[in-house]
C-alpha atoms as a PDB file:
ATOM      1  CA  MET A   1      92.338  72.418 -15.941  1.00  0.00           C
ATOM      2  CA  ILE A   2      93.996  70.197 -18.276  1.00  0.00           C
ATOM      3  CA  GLN A   3      92.216  67.173 -16.332  1.00  0.00           C
ATOM      4  CA  LYS A   4      88.823  68.840 -16.926  1.00  0.00           C
ATOM      5  CA  TRP A   5      89.390  69.280 -20.418  1.00  0.00           C
ATOM      6  CA  LEU A   6      90.677  65.734 -21.103  1.00  0.00           C
ATOM      7  CA  PHE A   7      87.641  64.445 -19.187  1.00  0.00           C
ATOM      8  CA  ARG A   8      85.425  66.486 -21.622  1.00  0.00           C
ATOM      9  CA  ILE A   9      87.201  65.180 -24.748  1.00  0.00           C
ATOM     10  CA  LEU A  10      86.969  61.582 -23.588  1.00  0.00           C
ATOM     11  CA  LEU A  11      83.156  62.046 -23.016  1.00  0.00           C
ATOM     12  CA  ALA A  12      82.685  64.113 -26.320  1.00  0.00           C
ATOM     13  CA  PRO A  13      81.279  60.779 -28.306  1.00  0.00           C
ATOM     14  CA  PHE A  14      78.925  59.987 -25.599  1.00  0.00           C
ATOM     15  CA  SER A  15      77.692  63.727 -25.637  1.00  0.00           C
ATOM     16  CA  PHE A  16      77.389  63.556 -29.432  1.00  0.00           C
ATOM     17  CA  LEU A  17      75.030  60.627 -29.191  1.00  0.00           C
ATOM     18  CA  TYR A  18      73.187  62.154 -26.475  1.00  0.00           C
ATOM     19  CA  GLY A  19      72.844  65.284 -28.540  1.00  0.00           C
ATOM     20  CA  ILE A  20      71.291  63.202 -31.563  1.00  0.00           C
ATOM     21  CA  GLY A  21      68.884  61.825 -29.286  1.00  0.00           C
ATOM     22  CA  VAL A  22      67.993  65.390 -28.257  1.00  0.00           C
ATOM     23  CA  SER A  23      67.741  66.763 -31.892  1.00  0.00           C
ATOM     24  CA  VAL A  24      65.662  63.869 -32.993  1.00  0.00           C
ATOM     25  CA  ARG A  25      63.107  64.740 -30.104  1.00  0.00           C
ATOM     26  CA  ASP A  26      63.208  68.397 -31.001  1.00  0.00           C
ATOM     27  CA  PHE A  27      62.690  67.783 -34.691  1.00  0.00           C
ATOM     28  CA  LEU A  28      59.898  65.777 -33.738  1.00  0.00           C
ATOM     29  CA  TYR A  29      58.116  68.581 -31.592  1.00  0.00           C
ATOM     30  CA  ARG A  30      59.000  71.261 -34.271  1.00  0.00           C
ATOM     31  CA  ARG A  31      57.232  69.420 -37.143  1.00  0.00           C
ATOM     32  CA  GLY A  32      54.257  68.837 -34.869  1.00  0.00           C
ATOM     33  CA  LEU A  33      54.791  64.898 -34.754  1.00  0.00           C
ATOM     34  CA  LEU A  34      54.861  65.409 -31.052  1.00  0.00           C
ATOM     35  CA  LYS A  35      52.864  68.083 -29.354  1.00  0.00           C
ATOM     36  CA  GLY A  36      52.833  69.529 -26.121  1.00  0.00           C
ATOM     37  CA  VAL A  37      49.285  69.700 -24.262  1.00  0.00           C
ATOM     38  CA  GLU A  38      47.994  73.036 -23.566  1.00  0.00           C
ATOM     39  CA  PHE A  39      45.507  73.642 -20.777  1.00  0.00           C
ATOM     40  CA  ASN A  40      42.639  76.095 -20.157  1.00  0.00           C
ATOM     41  CA  LEU A  41      44.370  77.664 -17.005  1.00  0.00           C
ATOM     42  CA  PRO A  42      47.543  79.534 -16.872  1.00  0.00           C
ATOM     43  CA  VAL A  43      50.490  77.303 -16.309  1.00  0.00           C
ATOM     44  CA  ILE A  44      53.938  79.021 -15.529  1.00  0.00           C
ATOM     45  CA  SER A  45      56.853  76.598 -15.944  1.00  0.00           C
ATOM     46  CA  VAL A  46      60.282  77.499 -14.086  1.00  0.00           C
ATOM     47  CA  GLY A  47      63.242  75.427 -15.289  1.00  0.00           C
ATOM     48  CA  ASN A  48      66.863  75.388 -16.457  1.00  0.00           C
ATOM     49  CA  LEU A  49      68.857  74.019 -19.392  1.00  0.00           C
ATOM     50  CA  SER A  50      71.535  72.609 -17.010  1.00  0.00           C
ATOM     51  CA  VAL A  51      71.408  69.926 -14.370  1.00  0.00           C
ATOM     52  CA  GLY A  52      70.626  71.462 -10.901  1.00  0.00           C
ATOM     53  CA  GLY A  53      72.057  74.579  -9.173  1.00  0.00           C
ATOM     54  CA  ALA A  54      70.255  77.504 -10.837  1.00  0.00           C
ATOM     55  CA  GLY A  55      67.887  78.231  -7.919  1.00  0.00           C
ATOM     56  CA  LYS A  56      64.478  77.046  -9.232  1.00  0.00           C
ATOM     57  CA  THR A  57      63.086  76.438  -5.674  1.00  0.00           C
ATOM     58  CA  PRO A  58      63.700  80.099  -4.368  1.00  0.00           C
ATOM     59  CA  HIS A  59      62.202  81.343  -7.893  1.00  0.00           C
ATOM     60  CA  ILE A  60      59.120  79.150  -7.492  1.00  0.00           C
ATOM     61  CA  GLU A  61      58.590  80.442  -3.949  1.00  0.00           C
ATOM     62  CA  TYR A  62      58.929  84.111  -5.194  1.00  0.00           C
ATOM     63  CA  LEU A  63      56.381  83.345  -7.686  1.00  0.00           C
ATOM     64  CA  ILE A  64      54.102  81.740  -4.560  1.00  0.00           C
ATOM     65  CA  ARG A  65      54.679  84.870  -2.387  1.00  0.00           C
ATOM     66  CA  LEU A  66      53.648  86.873  -5.327  1.00  0.00           C
ATOM     67  CA  LEU A  67      50.371  85.112  -6.351  1.00  0.00           C
ATOM     68  CA  LYS A  68      49.028  83.275  -3.299  1.00  0.00           C
ATOM     69  CA  ASP A  69      47.202  86.145  -1.746  1.00  0.00           C
ATOM     70  CA  TYR A  70      45.202  86.739  -4.881  1.00  0.00           C
ATOM     71  CA  LEU A  71      44.935  83.543  -6.686  1.00  0.00           C
ATOM     72  CA  ASN A  72      44.583  79.817  -5.979  1.00  0.00           C
ATOM     73  CA  VAL A  73      48.018  78.511  -6.425  1.00  0.00           C
ATOM     74  CA  ALA A  74      49.226  75.200  -7.109  1.00  0.00           C
ATOM     75  CA  THR A  75      52.784  73.878  -7.463  1.00  0.00           C
ATOM     76  CA  LEU A  76      53.663  70.598  -9.480  1.00  0.00           C
ATOM     77  CA  SER A  77      56.888  68.932  -9.179  1.00  0.00           C
ATOM     78  CA  ARG A  78      58.046  65.034 -10.180  1.00  0.00           C
ATOM     79  CA  GLY A  79      59.086  64.743  -6.303  1.00  0.00           C
ATOM     80  CA  TYR A  80      62.645  63.783  -7.187  1.00  0.00           C
ATOM     81  CA  LYS A  81      64.028  60.705  -5.222  1.00  0.00           C
ATOM     82  CA  ARG A  82      60.661  60.255  -3.504  1.00  0.00           C
ATOM     83  CA  LYS A  83      60.085  56.381  -2.777  1.00  0.00           C
ATOM     84  CA  THR A  84      56.418  56.765  -3.855  1.00  0.00           C
ATOM     85  CA  LYS A  85      54.803  56.667  -7.267  1.00  0.00           C
ATOM     86  CA  GLY A  86      51.780  58.362  -8.987  1.00  0.00           C
ATOM     87  CA  PHE A  87      50.074  61.417  -8.245  1.00  0.00           C
ATOM     88  CA  LEU A  88      50.071  62.805  -4.678  1.00  0.00           C
ATOM     89  CA  GLN A  89      48.754  65.831  -2.819  1.00  0.00           C
ATOM     90  CA  VAL A  90      51.436  66.944  -0.516  1.00  0.00           C
ATOM     91  CA  GLN A  91      50.534  67.218   3.265  1.00  0.00           C
ATOM     92  CA  ARG A  92      52.716  68.996   6.102  1.00  0.00           C
ATOM     93  CA  ASN A  93      52.837  65.870   8.024  1.00  0.00           C
ATOM     94  CA  MET A  94      54.536  63.925   5.129  1.00  0.00           C
ATOM     95  CA  ASN A  95      58.124  63.485   4.652  1.00  0.00           C
ATOM     96  CA  ALA A  96      60.933  63.765   2.089  1.00  0.00           C
ATOM     97  CA  GLU A  97      60.816  60.031   1.175  1.00  0.00           C
ATOM     98  CA  GLN A  98      57.381  60.164   0.522  1.00  0.00           C
ATOM     99  CA  VAL A  99      57.145  63.282  -1.830  1.00  0.00           C
ATOM    100  CA  GLY A 100      60.499  64.830  -2.102  1.00  0.00           C
ATOM    101  CA  ASP A 101      62.301  67.533  -0.391  1.00  0.00           C
ATOM    102  CA  GLU A 102      61.564  70.689  -2.456  1.00  0.00           C
ATOM    103  CA  PRO A 103      57.686  69.976  -2.451  1.00  0.00           C
ATOM    104  CA  LEU A 104      57.793  69.256   1.098  1.00  0.00           C
ATOM    105  CA  GLN A 105      59.483  72.572   1.641  1.00  0.00           C
ATOM    106  CA  PHE A 106      56.731  74.470  -0.195  1.00  0.00           C
ATOM    107  CA  LYS A 107      53.922  72.917   1.835  1.00  0.00           C
ATOM    108  CA  ARG A 108      55.541  73.455   5.212  1.00  0.00           C
ATOM    109  CA  LYS A 109      56.254  77.120   4.298  1.00  0.00           C
ATOM    110  CA  TYR A 110      53.107  77.818   2.212  1.00  0.00           C
ATOM    111  CA  PRO A 111      50.444  75.686   3.844  1.00  0.00           C
ATOM    112  CA  ASP A 112      47.583  77.312   2.172  1.00  0.00           C
ATOM    113  CA  ILE A 113      48.466  76.529  -1.178  1.00  0.00           C
ATOM    114  CA  THR A 114      48.086  73.149  -3.043  1.00  0.00           C
ATOM    115  CA  VAL A 115      51.358  71.198  -3.560  1.00  0.00           C
ATOM    116  CA  THR A 116      51.309  68.088  -5.585  1.00  0.00           C
ATOM    117  CA  VAL A 117      53.744  65.684  -7.200  1.00  0.00           C
ATOM    118  CA  SER A 118      53.618  63.269 -10.118  1.00  0.00           C
ATOM    119  CA  GLU A 119      55.943  61.776 -12.578  1.00  0.00           C
ATOM    120  CA  SER A 120      53.436  62.959 -15.392  1.00  0.00           C
ATOM    121  CA  ARG A 121      52.621  66.366 -15.623  1.00  0.00           C
ATOM    122  CA  THR A 122      50.053  65.723 -18.405  1.00  0.00           C
ATOM    123  CA  PHE A 123      48.058  63.660 -16.230  1.00  0.00           C
ATOM    124  CA  ALA A 124      48.650  65.490 -13.047  1.00  0.00           C
ATOM    125  CA  ILE A 125      47.216  68.983 -14.231  1.00  0.00           C
ATOM    126  CA  PRO A 126      43.695  67.430 -15.117  1.00  0.00           C
ATOM    127  CA  GLN A 127      44.001  65.604 -11.830  1.00  0.00           C
ATOM    128  CA  ILE A 128      44.503  68.967  -9.934  1.00  0.00           C
ATOM    129  CA  VAL A 129      41.744  70.733 -11.761  1.00  0.00           C
ATOM    130  CA  GLN A 130      39.364  67.584 -11.005  1.00  0.00           C
ATOM    131  CA  GLU A 131      40.118  67.663  -7.359  1.00  0.00           C
ATOM    132  CA  GLN A 132      40.109  71.611  -7.085  1.00  0.00           C
ATOM    133  CA  PRO A 133      37.936  73.228 -10.050  1.00  0.00           C
ATOM    134  CA  ASP A 134      38.563  76.590  -8.528  1.00  0.00           C
ATOM    135  CA  MET A 135      42.382  76.377  -9.184  1.00  0.00           C
ATOM    136  CA  GLN A 136      43.496  79.450 -11.072  1.00  0.00           C
ATOM    137  CA  VAL A 137      47.276  79.119 -11.668  1.00  0.00           C
ATOM    138  CA  ILE A 138      49.667  76.103 -11.796  1.00  0.00           C
ATOM    139  CA  LEU A 139      53.414  76.514 -11.153  1.00  0.00           C
ATOM    140  CA  LEU A 140      55.621  73.797 -12.823  1.00  0.00           C
ATOM    141  CA  ASP A 141      59.073  73.105 -11.022  1.00  0.00           C
ATOM    142  CA  ASP A 142      61.845  71.998 -13.267  1.00  0.00           C
ATOM    143  CA  ALA A 143      60.023  71.465 -16.269  1.00  0.00           C
ATOM    144  CA  PHE A 144      61.621  73.353 -18.976  1.00  0.00           C
ATOM    145  CA  GLN A 145      62.916  70.227 -20.797  1.00  0.00           C
ATOM    146  CA  HIS A 146      59.547  68.324 -20.278  1.00  0.00           C
ATOM    147  CA  ARG A 147      57.654  69.405 -23.406  1.00  0.00           C
ATOM    148  CA  SER A 148      54.824  66.941 -22.934  1.00  0.00           C
ATOM    149  CA  VAL A 149      52.944  70.324 -21.369  1.00  0.00           C
ATOM    150  CA  LYS A 150      53.236  73.374 -23.317  1.00  0.00           C
ATOM    151  CA  PRO A 151      53.290  76.057 -20.642  1.00  0.00           C
ATOM    152  CA  GLY A 152      51.759  79.453 -21.110  1.00  0.00           C
ATOM    153  CA  LEU A 153      54.843  81.197 -19.686  1.00  0.00           C
ATOM    154  CA  ASN A 154      58.127  79.500 -19.935  1.00  0.00           C
ATOM    155  CA  ILE A 155      60.918  81.007 -17.492  1.00  0.00           C
ATOM    156  CA  LEU A 156      64.489  79.784 -17.976  1.00  0.00           C
ATOM    157  CA  LEU A 157      67.060  80.154 -15.230  1.00  0.00           C
ATOM    158  CA  THR A 158      70.837  80.120 -15.818  1.00  0.00           C
ATOM    159  CA  GLU A 159      73.394  80.988 -13.181  1.00  0.00           C
ATOM    160  CA  TYR A 160      75.667  84.051 -13.192  1.00  0.00           C
ATOM    161  CA  ARG A 161      78.975  82.005 -12.949  1.00  0.00           C
ATOM    162  CA  PHE A 162      77.829  79.074 -15.074  1.00  0.00           C
ATOM    163  CA  PRO A 163      75.676  80.214 -17.782  1.00  0.00           C
ATOM    164  CA  PHE A 164      74.428  77.918 -20.240  1.00  0.00           C
ATOM    165  CA  THR A 165      76.147  79.615 -23.099  1.00  0.00           C
ATOM    166  CA  ARG A 166      79.671  78.349 -21.655  1.00  0.00           C
ATOM    167  CA  ASP A 167      78.338  74.674 -20.909  1.00  0.00           C
ATOM    168  CA  TYR A 168      78.290  71.473 -23.000  1.00  0.00           C
ATOM    169  CA  LEU A 169      75.836  68.538 -23.336  1.00  0.00           C
ATOM    170  CA  LEU A 170      75.639  65.766 -20.828  1.00  0.00           C
ATOM    171  CA  PRO A 171      77.858  63.807 -20.035  1.00  0.00           C
ATOM    172  CA  SER A 172      80.632  66.028 -20.686  1.00  0.00           C
ATOM    173  CA  GLY A 173      79.016  69.102 -19.247  1.00  0.00           C
ATOM    174  CA  ARG A 174      75.840  69.654 -17.694  1.00  0.00           C
ATOM    175  CA  LEU A 175      73.277  70.720 -20.490  1.00  0.00           C
ATOM    176  CA  ARG A 176      70.329  68.721 -20.864  1.00  0.00           C
ATOM    177  CA  GLU A 177      69.393  70.072 -24.192  1.00  0.00           C
ATOM    178  CA  TRP A 178      71.447  72.102 -26.831  1.00  0.00           C
ATOM    179  CA  ARG A 179      72.151  75.635 -26.005  1.00  0.00           C
ATOM    180  CA  SER A 180      69.734  76.805 -28.854  1.00  0.00           C
ATOM    181  CA  ALA A 181      66.800  75.263 -26.794  1.00  0.00           C
ATOM    182  CA  TYR A 182      66.887  78.619 -24.904  1.00  0.00           C
ATOM    183  CA  GLU A 183      64.626  80.089 -27.677  1.00  0.00           C
ATOM    184  CA  ARG A 184      61.656  78.476 -26.002  1.00  0.00           C
ATOM    185  CA  ALA A 185      61.884  80.772 -23.083  1.00  0.00           C
ATOM    186  CA  ASP A 186      59.690  83.888 -22.628  1.00  0.00           C
ATOM    187  CA  VAL A 187      61.647  85.122 -19.690  1.00  0.00           C
ATOM    188  CA  ILE A 188      65.473  84.639 -19.042  1.00  0.00           C
ATOM    189  CA  ILE A 189      66.519  85.006 -15.409  1.00  0.00           C
ATOM    190  CA  VAL A 190      70.359  85.021 -14.790  1.00  0.00           C
ATOM    191  CA  SER A 191      70.333  83.843 -11.239  1.00  0.00           C
ATOM    192  CA  LYS A 192      72.539  83.725  -8.502  1.00  0.00           C
ATOM    193  CA  CYS A 193      74.466  87.003  -9.368  1.00  0.00           C
ATOM    194  CA  PRO A 194      76.747  88.787  -7.016  1.00  0.00           C
ATOM    195  CA  PRO A 195      74.997  91.358  -4.767  1.00  0.00           C
ATOM    196  CA  ASP A 196      77.187  94.090  -6.541  1.00  0.00           C
ATOM    197  CA  VAL A 197      76.778  93.107 -10.187  1.00  0.00           C
ATOM    198  CA  SER A 198      77.444  96.204 -12.298  1.00  0.00           C
ATOM    199  CA  GLU A 199      75.522  97.619 -15.433  1.00  0.00           C
ATOM    200  CA  GLU A 200      78.576  96.682 -17.568  1.00  0.00           C
ATOM    201  CA  ASP A 201      78.378  92.907 -16.318  1.00  0.00           C
ATOM    202  CA  LYS A 202      74.700  92.917 -17.034  1.00  0.00           C
ATOM    203  CA  ARG A 203      75.149  94.246 -20.671  1.00  0.00           C
ATOM    204  CA  ALA A 204      78.146  91.796 -21.222  1.00  0.00           C
ATOM    205  CA  LEU A 205      76.132  88.862 -20.146  1.00  0.00           C
ATOM    206  CA  ALA A 206      72.852  89.745 -21.894  1.00  0.00           C
ATOM    207  CA  GLU A 207      75.211  90.236 -25.417  1.00  0.00           C
ATOM    208  CA  GLU A 208      76.767  86.706 -24.520  1.00  0.00           C
ATOM    209  CA  ILE A 209      73.078  85.198 -24.179  1.00  0.00           C
ATOM    210  CA  LYS A 210      71.537  87.161 -26.969  1.00  0.00           C
ATOM    211  CA  PRO A 211      67.976  87.277 -26.083  1.00  0.00           C
ATOM    212  CA  PHE A 212      65.469  87.030 -28.771  1.00  0.00           C
ATOM    213  CA  PRO A 213      63.077  89.811 -29.448  1.00  0.00           C
ATOM    214  CA  HIS A 214      60.217  87.910 -27.797  1.00  0.00           C
ATOM    215  CA  GLN A 215      62.136  87.466 -24.536  1.00  0.00           C
ATOM    216  CA  ARG A 216      62.775  89.605 -21.315  1.00  0.00           C
ATOM    217  CA  ILE A 217      66.135  89.066 -19.319  1.00  0.00           C
ATOM    218  CA  TYR A 218      66.416  89.782 -15.723  1.00  0.00           C
ATOM    219  CA  PHE A 219      69.194  89.404 -13.166  1.00  0.00           C
ATOM    220  CA  SER A 220      68.482  87.941  -9.579  1.00  0.00           C
ATOM    221  CA  TYR A 221      70.510  87.209  -6.431  1.00  0.00           C
ATOM    222  CA  TYR A 222      69.702  85.539  -2.860  1.00  0.00           C
ATOM    223  CA  GLY A 223      68.662  87.828   0.112  1.00  0.00           C
ATOM    224  CA  TYR A 224      69.712  85.605   2.758  1.00  0.00           C
ATOM    225  CA  GLN A 225      67.272  85.834   5.773  1.00  0.00           C
ATOM    226  CA  SER A 226      67.937  85.187   9.508  1.00  0.00           C
ATOM    227  CA  PRO A 227      68.563  81.446  10.395  1.00  0.00           C
ATOM    228  CA  TYR A 228      65.836  79.588  12.318  1.00  0.00           C
ATOM    229  CA  PHE A 229      65.929  76.449  14.474  1.00  0.00           C
ATOM    230  CA  ILE A 230      64.300  73.725  12.446  1.00  0.00           C
ATOM    231  CA  TYR A 231      62.081  72.647  14.945  1.00  0.00           C
ATOM    232  CA  ASN A 232      60.816  76.085  16.310  1.00  0.00           C
ATOM    233  CA  PRO A 233      60.967  78.534  13.246  1.00  0.00           C
ATOM    234  CA  LYS A 234      60.265  81.569  15.778  1.00  0.00           C
ATOM    235  CA  TYR A 235      63.718  80.881  17.370  1.00  0.00           C
ATOM    236  CA  LYS A 236      66.107  82.843  15.154  1.00  0.00           C
ATOM    237  CA  VAL A 237      69.852  83.552  15.442  1.00  0.00           C
ATOM    238  CA  LYS A 238      71.888  86.281  13.817  1.00  0.00           C
ATOM    239  CA  LEU A 239      75.116  85.494  12.090  1.00  0.00           C
ATOM    240  CA  GLU A 240      77.847  87.480  13.435  1.00  0.00           C
ATOM    241  CA  GLY A 241      81.754  87.524  13.405  1.00  0.00           C
ATOM    242  CA  ASP A 242      82.233  85.391  16.589  1.00  0.00           C
ATOM    243  CA  VAL A 243      79.992  82.530  15.360  1.00  0.00           C
ATOM    244  CA  ASP A 244      81.577  79.244  14.230  1.00  0.00           C
ATOM    245  CA  VAL A 245      79.584  77.281  11.648  1.00  0.00           C
ATOM    246  CA  LEU A 246      79.270  73.559  10.901  1.00  0.00           C
ATOM    247  CA  LEU A 247      77.568  73.713   7.366  1.00  0.00           C
ATOM    248  CA  ILE A 248      75.823  70.460   6.192  1.00  0.00           C
ATOM    249  CA  CYS A 249      74.244  70.454   2.914  1.00  0.00           C
ATOM    250  CA  ALA A 250      73.490  68.489  -0.064  1.00  0.00           C
ATOM    251  CA  ILE A 251      72.745  70.719  -2.921  1.00  0.00           C
ATOM    252  CA  ALA A 252      74.449  71.101  -6.447  1.00  0.00           C
ATOM    253  CA  ARG A 253      76.683  73.975  -5.737  1.00  0.00           C
ATOM    254  CA  THR A 254      77.880  75.334  -2.223  1.00  0.00           C
ATOM    255  CA  ASP A 255      80.115  78.159  -3.575  1.00  0.00           C
ATOM    256  CA  TYR A 256      77.505  80.868  -3.548  1.00  0.00           C
ATOM    257  CA  LEU A 257      76.260  79.927  -0.274  1.00  0.00           C
ATOM    258  CA  VAL A 258      79.802  79.581   1.343  1.00  0.00           C
ATOM    259  CA  SER A 259      80.751  82.835  -0.303  1.00  0.00           C
ATOM    260  CA  HIS A 260      77.818  84.453   1.784  1.00  0.00           C
ATOM    261  CA  LEU A 261      78.670  82.723   5.211  1.00  0.00           C
ATOM    262  CA  GLU A 262      82.487  83.850   4.748  1.00  0.00           C
ATOM    263  CA  GLN A 263      81.388  87.527   4.941  1.00  0.00           C
ATOM    264  CA  HIS A 264      79.338  86.851   8.301  1.00  0.00           C
ATOM    265  CA  VAL A 265      81.017  84.361  10.534  1.00  0.00           C
ATOM    266  CA  ASN A 266      84.131  83.579  12.017  1.00  0.00           C
ATOM    267  CA  SER A 267      84.653  79.952  10.556  1.00  0.00           C
ATOM    268  CA  ILE A 268      83.065  77.580   8.359  1.00  0.00           C
ATOM    269  CA  SER A 269      83.444  73.658   8.476  1.00  0.00           C
ATOM    270  CA  ILE A 270      81.505  71.810   5.596  1.00  0.00           C
ATOM    271  CA  LEU A 271      79.790  68.453   5.387  1.00  0.00           C
ATOM    272  CA  GLU A 272      79.128  68.223   1.786  1.00  0.00           C
ATOM    273  CA  TYR A 273      77.073  65.496  -0.009  1.00  0.00           C
ATOM    274  CA  GLU A 274      75.618  64.983  -3.478  1.00  0.00           C
ATOM    275  CA  ASP A 275      72.607  67.005  -4.660  1.00  0.00           C
ATOM    276  CA  HIS A 276      69.337  65.523  -2.919  1.00  0.00           C
ATOM    277  CA  HIS A 277      71.395  63.003  -0.679  1.00  0.00           C
ATOM    278  CA  PHE A 278      69.133  61.284   1.730  1.00  0.00           C
ATOM    279  CA  PHE A 279      71.170  61.759   4.982  1.00  0.00           C
ATOM    280  CA  THR A 280      71.983  58.199   6.552  1.00  0.00           C
ATOM    281  CA  GLU A 281      72.238  57.488  10.387  1.00  0.00           C
ATOM    282  CA  THR A 282      76.150  57.513   9.779  1.00  0.00           C
ATOM    283  CA  ASP A 283      75.891  60.935   8.227  1.00  0.00           C
ATOM    284  CA  VAL A 284      73.966  62.488  11.391  1.00  0.00           C
ATOM    285  CA  ARG A 285      76.329  60.815  13.764  1.00  0.00           C
ATOM    286  CA  ARG A 286      79.237  62.131  11.863  1.00  0.00           C
ATOM    287  CA  LEU A 287      77.513  65.424  12.046  1.00  0.00           C
ATOM    288  CA  GLN A 288      77.329  65.150  15.736  1.00  0.00           C
ATOM    289  CA  GLY A 289      80.909  64.154  16.126  1.00  0.00           C
ATOM    290  CA  ASN A 290      82.138  66.792  14.034  1.00  0.00           C
ATOM    291  CA  PHE A 291      80.036  69.345  15.953  1.00  0.00           C
ATOM    292  CA  GLU A 292      81.400  68.313  19.201  1.00  0.00           C
ATOM    293  CA  LYS A 293      85.019  68.912  18.107  1.00  0.00           C
ATOM    294  CA  ILE A 294      84.395  72.426  17.385  1.00  0.00           C
ATOM    295  CA  GLU A 295      86.019  74.222  20.083  1.00  0.00           C
ATOM    296  CA  SER A 296      83.928  77.537  20.421  1.00  0.00           C
ATOM    297  CA  GLU A 297      81.614  78.978  22.825  1.00  0.00           C
ATOM    298  CA  LYS A 298      79.223  80.164  19.953  1.00  0.00           C
ATOM    299  CA  LYS A 299      78.715  77.485  17.280  1.00  0.00           C
ATOM    300  CA  LEU A 300      75.693  76.050  15.547  1.00  0.00           C
ATOM    301  CA  ILE A 301      74.701  73.790  12.737  1.00  0.00           C
ATOM    302  CA  LEU A 302      73.696  75.536   9.554  1.00  0.00           C
ATOM    303  CA  THR A 303      71.913  74.082   6.541  1.00  0.00           C
ATOM    304  CA  THR A 304      69.558  74.989   3.952  1.00  0.00           C
ATOM    305  CA  GLU A 305      65.765  74.588   3.907  1.00  0.00           C
ATOM    306  CA  LYS A 306      65.755  71.765   1.404  1.00  0.00           C
ATOM    307  CA  ASP A 307      68.409  69.827   3.322  1.00  0.00           C
ATOM    308  CA  ALA A 308      66.338  70.141   6.435  1.00  0.00           C
ATOM    309  CA  MET A 309      63.451  68.358   4.963  1.00  0.00           C
ATOM    310  CA  ARG A 310      65.672  65.384   4.502  1.00  0.00           C
ATOM    311  CA  LEU A 311      67.336  65.954   7.806  1.00  0.00           C
ATOM    312  CA  ASP A 312      64.274  65.775   9.536  1.00  0.00           C
ATOM    313  CA  LEU A 313      64.031  61.865   8.679  1.00  0.00           C
ATOM    314  CA  HIS A 314      66.420  61.547  11.717  1.00  0.00           C
ATOM    315  CA  ARG A 315      64.397  63.969  13.988  1.00  0.00           C
ATOM    316  CA  LYS A 316      64.426  61.439  17.012  1.00  0.00           C
ATOM    317  CA  PHE A 317      68.351  61.294  16.810  1.00  0.00           C
ATOM    318  CA  LEU A 318      68.697  65.195  16.269  1.00  0.00           C
ATOM    319  CA  VAL A 319      66.216  66.148  19.294  1.00  0.00           C
ATOM    320  CA  GLU A 320      67.839  63.429  21.620  1.00  0.00           C
ATOM    321  CA  HIS A 321      71.325  64.860  21.030  1.00  0.00           C
ATOM    322  CA  LYS A 322      70.013  68.393  21.063  1.00  0.00           C
ATOM    323  CA  LEU A 323      71.754  69.363  17.921  1.00  0.00           C
ATOM    324  CA  PRO A 324      71.421  73.009  17.412  1.00  0.00           C
ATOM    325  CA  ILE A 325      70.487  72.877  13.557  1.00  0.00           C
ATOM    326  CA  PHE A 326      69.449  76.119  11.927  1.00  0.00           C
ATOM    327  CA  ALA A 327      67.904  76.396   8.284  1.00  0.00           C
ATOM    328  CA  LEU A 328      69.087  79.353   6.260  1.00  0.00           C
ATOM    329  CA  PRO A 329      66.114  80.903   4.350  1.00  0.00           C
ATOM    330  CA  VAL A 330      66.576  82.895   1.259  1.00  0.00           C
ATOM    331  CA  GLU A 331      64.235  85.063  -0.851  1.00  0.00           C
ATOM    332  CA  VAL A 332      64.865  85.945  -4.313  1.00  0.00           C
ATOM    333  CA  GLN A 333      65.674  89.491  -5.131  1.00  0.00           C
ATOM    334  CA  PHE A 334      66.210  91.411  -8.560  1.00  0.00           C
ATOM    335  CA  HIS A 335      68.841  93.803  -9.582  1.00  0.00           C
ATOM    336  CA  PHE A 336      68.516  96.951 -11.127  1.00  0.00           C
ATOM    337  CA  ASP A 337      65.209  97.771  -9.388  1.00  0.00           C
ATOM    338  CA  GLU A 338      63.408  95.542 -12.017  1.00  0.00           C
ATOM    339  CA  GLY A 339      61.508  93.361  -9.423  1.00  0.00           C
ATOM    340  CA  GLU A 340      58.383  95.508 -10.108  1.00  0.00           C
ATOM    341  CA  LYS A 341      59.065  94.939 -13.879  1.00  0.00           C
ATOM    342  CA  PHE A 342      59.087  91.253 -13.399  1.00  0.00           C
ATOM    343  CA  ASP A 343      56.127  91.083 -11.233  1.00  0.00           C
ATOM    344  CA  GLN A 344      54.256  93.151 -13.867  1.00  0.00           C
ATOM    345  CA  ASP A 345      55.245  90.341 -16.581  1.00  0.00           C
ATOM    346  CA  ILE A 346      53.681  87.855 -14.501  1.00  0.00           C
ATOM    347  CA  LYS A 347      50.581  89.707 -14.039  1.00  0.00           C
ATOM    348  CA  ASP A 348      50.212  90.707 -17.588  1.00  0.00           C
ATOM    349  CA  TYR A 349      50.476  87.023 -18.583  1.00  0.00           C
ATOM    350  CA  LEU A 350      47.713  86.199 -16.093  1.00  0.00           C
ATOM    351  CA  LEU A 351      45.602  89.179 -16.910  1.00  0.00           C
ATOM    352  CA  ASN A 352      45.867  88.573 -20.695  1.00  0.00           C
ATOM    353  CA  PHE A 353      45.346  84.889 -20.488  1.00  0.00           C
ATOM    354  CA  LYS A 354      42.621  83.619 -22.752  1.00  0.00           C
ATOM    355  CA  VAL A 355      40.832  80.173 -22.724  1.00  0.00           C
END
């Protein structure tokens, strides 16, 4: 703990300089010297103030499932760490190096929707509309701090265990903007809550966040589904007390996932990498070696759906060595029976949208 605070103190001057830059940018937007572009179709942004880990991907998927049967839906991401440039429509046969792991995940799970990537959201949205004039709603992934586009509905996520109210500006903390930036949100979702969060916990955190009158606040958690074999999703397994798991993942925080697994399996071994890490040949050989060392009659390799997109770059090796890699899907659920209320907020925005 002392080292953590010492680290923050040492980095505080750099956070101060970073904060000056953020403040100047915010001033320019507030004075109208810089303006976000608005579009004549509904645009919903899902993002967070901190760097990674808040659960943007599962919440985007929640919106996809809510809307895809009724509207023509497109997602727009930057395609983080992809090796291509410019605007691309994601196809199922592409790979994570071409389009990024999360967009590829969207397209493979929901092939009927339009999934796009671009460094510039301002230019990408007209491109989507030009190619598909019947598009009805666009979901912006990780766009809260990208103010060049002004969304019609701005959804801000903050983690239950790591709320933005207790965080600090980069690099001493994980905030990309000052805490006060949360005022721009229309909806605040406290994500990755414990399954048994209480009304008292809800009130305490809501008082800490202090939502403005124009904001609605919700509390969500992950409902983990049955793991499926990454090369045959119809083949699923049940996590039980006699199963030993080798977990390989490259996500921002693993504590929430590990906490869930500890309640359902016999043991967990973890190969952990930085967020969005592209697995190398050395990594997958290490995976094979560690798996072979586990002495168990019921063992499997588990990963997240996002990580499975990057592991798939080594498909030939994984198939040749018959590694039983299963992806663990998650679905966002809302506490306090407020899922329908959240859904209605989304529907009201869409029904009341005016060009």
